[in-house]
Amino acid sequence: MKMEVKNMRITKEELPACNHHSDCFANREGKCITLTDTNFKRGDCPFYKTEEQLNAERKLDKKTKAK
């Protein structure tokens, strides 16, 4: 499902379904809050990461930028 993003505010109903990883940081009640299309040609989401992975990357990024 491709959707046209006219502005940054979309309703929950307009978010694409996410049936790939229920523990993904961007999965909210079966909807992806990050991507506009969740149909992947290879079958798995290339952006998948858990909340813990995301937080670890953010921490590392902050440390790197502080140097």
N, C-alpha and C. Protein backbone atom coordinates (compact mmCIF):
# COMPACT_ATOMS: atom_id res chain seq x y z
N MET A 1 0.84 -1.18 0.00
CA MET A 1 0.00 0.00 0.00
C MET A 1 0.88 1.23 0.00
N LYS A 2 0.89 1.96 -1.07
CA LYS A 2 1.61 3.23 -1.12
C LYS A 2 0.62 4.34 -0.81
N MET A 3 1.09 5.30 -0.03
CA MET A 3 0.20 6.42 0.26
C MET A 3 0.94 7.71 -0.02
N GLU A 4 0.20 8.68 -0.39
CA GLU A 4 0.77 9.99 -0.67
C GLU A 4 0.79 10.79 0.64
N VAL A 5 1.95 11.30 0.97
CA VAL A 5 2.07 12.09 2.19
C VAL A 5 2.02 13.56 1.81
N LYS A 6 0.93 14.20 2.15
CA LYS A 6 0.75 15.61 1.82
C LYS A 6 1.28 16.50 2.93
N ASN A 7 1.16 16.03 4.14
CA ASN A 7 1.73 16.74 5.29
C ASN A 7 2.19 15.69 6.28
N MET A 8 2.79 16.10 7.34
CA MET A 8 3.35 15.14 8.29
C MET A 8 2.31 14.57 9.25
N ARG A 9 1.11 15.05 9.20
CA ARG A 9 0.07 14.54 10.09
C ARG A 9 -0.85 13.61 9.32
N ILE A 10 -0.81 12.34 9.73
CA ILE A 10 -1.71 11.37 9.13
C ILE A 10 -2.44 10.65 10.26
N THR A 11 -3.57 10.12 9.94
CA THR A 11 -4.34 9.41 10.96
C THR A 11 -3.79 8.00 11.13
N LYS A 12 -4.11 7.40 12.25
CA LYS A 12 -3.66 6.04 12.53
C LYS A 12 -4.18 5.07 11.47
N GLU A 13 -5.35 5.31 10.98
CA GLU A 13 -5.93 4.44 9.96
C GLU A 13 -5.13 4.48 8.66
N GLU A 14 -4.46 5.60 8.38
CA GLU A 14 -3.69 5.75 7.16
C GLU A 14 -2.30 5.10 7.24
N LEU A 15 -1.86 4.76 8.44
CA LEU A 15 -0.55 4.12 8.58
C LEU A 15 -0.59 2.73 7.96
N PRO A 16 0.52 2.29 7.35
CA PRO A 16 0.52 0.96 6.74
C PRO A 16 0.58 -0.14 7.81
N ALA A 17 -0.03 -1.25 7.51
CA ALA A 17 -0.01 -2.39 8.42
C ALA A 17 1.41 -2.92 8.55
N CYS A 18 1.75 -3.38 9.74
CA CYS A 18 3.07 -3.97 9.98
C CYS A 18 2.86 -5.35 10.61
N ASN A 19 3.07 -6.38 9.81
CA ASN A 19 2.90 -7.75 10.29
C ASN A 19 4.23 -8.48 10.36
N HIS A 20 5.34 -7.75 10.29
CA HIS A 20 6.65 -8.37 10.24
C HIS A 20 7.24 -8.63 11.63
N HIS A 21 7.30 -7.61 12.48
CA HIS A 21 7.93 -7.74 13.80
C HIS A 21 7.11 -6.98 14.83
N SER A 22 6.49 -7.69 15.74
CA SER A 22 5.67 -7.02 16.75
C SER A 22 6.52 -6.29 17.78
N ASP A 23 7.82 -6.62 17.88
CA ASP A 23 8.69 -5.96 18.87
C ASP A 23 9.50 -4.81 18.26
N CYS A 24 9.18 -4.40 17.05
CA CYS A 24 9.90 -3.31 16.39
C CYS A 24 9.56 -1.98 17.07
N PHE A 25 10.56 -1.09 17.16
CA PHE A 25 10.35 0.22 17.78
C PHE A 25 9.28 1.03 17.07
N ALA A 26 9.05 0.77 15.80
CA ALA A 26 8.11 1.57 15.02
C ALA A 26 6.72 0.92 14.90
N ASN A 27 6.54 -0.23 15.49
CA ASN A 27 5.26 -0.93 15.42
C ASN A 27 4.36 -0.47 16.55
N ARG A 28 3.26 0.14 16.20
CA ARG A 28 2.27 0.58 17.18
C ARG A 28 0.94 -0.08 16.84
N GLU A 29 0.61 -1.06 17.65
CA GLU A 29 -0.66 -1.77 17.48
C GLU A 29 -0.84 -2.29 16.06
N GLY A 30 0.24 -2.86 15.49
CA GLY A 30 0.17 -3.44 14.16
C GLY A 30 0.31 -2.46 13.02
N LYS A 31 0.65 -1.22 13.32
CA LYS A 31 0.83 -0.19 12.29
C LYS A 31 2.26 0.33 12.37
N CYS A 32 2.86 0.64 11.21
CA CYS A 32 4.21 1.18 11.16
C CYS A 32 4.14 2.70 11.20
N ILE A 33 4.79 3.29 12.21
CA ILE A 33 4.77 4.75 12.34
C ILE A 33 5.94 5.41 11.64
N THR A 34 6.80 4.61 11.00
CA THR A 34 8.00 5.15 10.35
C THR A 34 7.91 5.14 8.84
N LEU A 35 7.45 4.06 8.26
CA LEU A 35 7.44 3.91 6.81
C LEU A 35 6.05 4.18 6.22
N THR A 36 6.03 4.53 4.95
CA THR A 36 4.75 4.75 4.27
C THR A 36 4.33 3.53 3.46
N ASP A 37 5.23 2.55 3.33
CA ASP A 37 4.93 1.33 2.58
C ASP A 37 5.64 0.17 3.26
N THR A 38 4.91 -0.88 3.59
CA THR A 38 5.50 -2.03 4.27
C THR A 38 5.49 -3.29 3.41
N ASN A 39 5.41 -3.12 2.10
CA ASN A 39 5.51 -4.25 1.18
C ASN A 39 6.96 -4.32 0.69
N PHE A 40 7.69 -5.29 1.24
CA PHE A 40 9.11 -5.42 0.92
C PHE A 40 9.33 -6.54 -0.07
N LYS A 41 10.11 -6.28 -1.09
CA LYS A 41 10.35 -7.28 -2.13
C LYS A 41 11.07 -8.51 -1.61
N ARG A 42 11.91 -8.33 -0.59
CA ARG A 42 12.65 -9.47 -0.04
C ARG A 42 11.92 -10.11 1.14
N GLY A 43 10.79 -9.58 1.51
CA GLY A 43 9.97 -10.20 2.53
C GLY A 43 10.18 -9.74 3.96
N ASP A 44 11.30 -9.08 4.27
CA ASP A 44 11.53 -8.66 5.64
C ASP A 44 11.85 -7.17 5.67
N CYS A 45 11.47 -6.52 6.73
CA CYS A 45 11.67 -5.08 6.86
C CYS A 45 13.14 -4.75 7.05
N PRO A 46 13.71 -3.91 6.19
CA PRO A 46 15.12 -3.55 6.32
C PRO A 46 15.37 -2.53 7.44
N PHE A 47 14.34 -1.97 8.02
CA PHE A 47 14.49 -0.97 9.07
C PHE A 47 14.21 -1.53 10.46
N TYR A 48 13.94 -2.82 10.56
CA TYR A 48 13.58 -3.42 11.84
C TYR A 48 14.69 -3.29 12.88
N LYS A 49 14.29 -2.84 14.06
CA LYS A 49 15.14 -2.89 15.25
C LYS A 49 14.25 -2.75 16.47
N THR A 50 14.71 -3.35 17.55
CA THR A 50 13.95 -3.28 18.79
C THR A 50 14.16 -1.91 19.44
N GLU A 51 13.36 -1.62 20.43
CA GLU A 51 13.50 -0.37 21.18
C GLU A 51 14.88 -0.30 21.83
N GLU A 52 15.36 -1.45 22.35
CA GLU A 52 16.68 -1.48 22.99
C GLU A 52 17.79 -1.18 21.98
N GLN A 53 17.69 -1.76 20.78
CA GLN A 53 18.68 -1.49 19.74
C GLN A 53 18.68 -0.01 19.36
N LEU A 54 17.51 0.55 19.21
CA LEU A 54 17.38 1.96 18.85
C LEU A 54 18.01 2.85 19.93
N ASN A 55 17.71 2.56 21.20
CA ASN A 55 18.27 3.37 22.28
C ASN A 55 19.78 3.25 22.36
N ALA A 56 20.32 2.05 22.13
CA ALA A 56 21.77 1.85 22.14
C ALA A 56 22.42 2.65 21.02
N GLU A 57 21.81 2.66 19.84
CA GLU A 57 22.35 3.43 18.71
C GLU A 57 22.31 4.93 19.01
N ARG A 58 21.25 5.38 19.63
CA ARG A 58 21.14 6.81 19.98
C ARG A 58 22.21 7.21 20.99
N LYS A 59 22.44 6.34 21.98
CA LYS A 59 23.47 6.61 22.99
C LYS A 59 24.84 6.70 22.33
N LEU A 60 25.15 5.74 21.46
CA LEU A 60 26.42 5.72 20.77
C LEU A 60 26.58 6.96 19.89
N ASP A 61 25.52 7.36 19.23
CA ASP A 61 25.56 8.53 18.37
C ASP A 61 25.84 9.80 19.19
N LYS A 62 25.23 9.91 20.36
CA LYS A 62 25.46 11.07 21.23
C LYS A 62 26.92 11.12 21.68
N LYS A 63 27.47 9.95 22.02
CA LYS A 63 28.87 9.89 22.45
C LYS A 63 29.80 10.29 21.30
N THR A 64 29.49 9.82 20.10
CA THR A 64 30.31 10.13 18.92
C THR A 64 30.27 11.62 18.61
N LYS A 65 29.09 12.22 18.70
CA LYS A 65 28.95 13.66 18.40
C LYS A 65 29.59 14.53 19.46
N ALA A 66 29.68 14.02 20.70
CA ALA A 66 30.25 14.79 21.79
C ALA A 66 31.78 14.93 21.67
N LYS A 67 32.41 14.06 20.91
CA LYS A 67 33.87 14.09 20.77
C LYS A 67 34.35 15.20 19.90
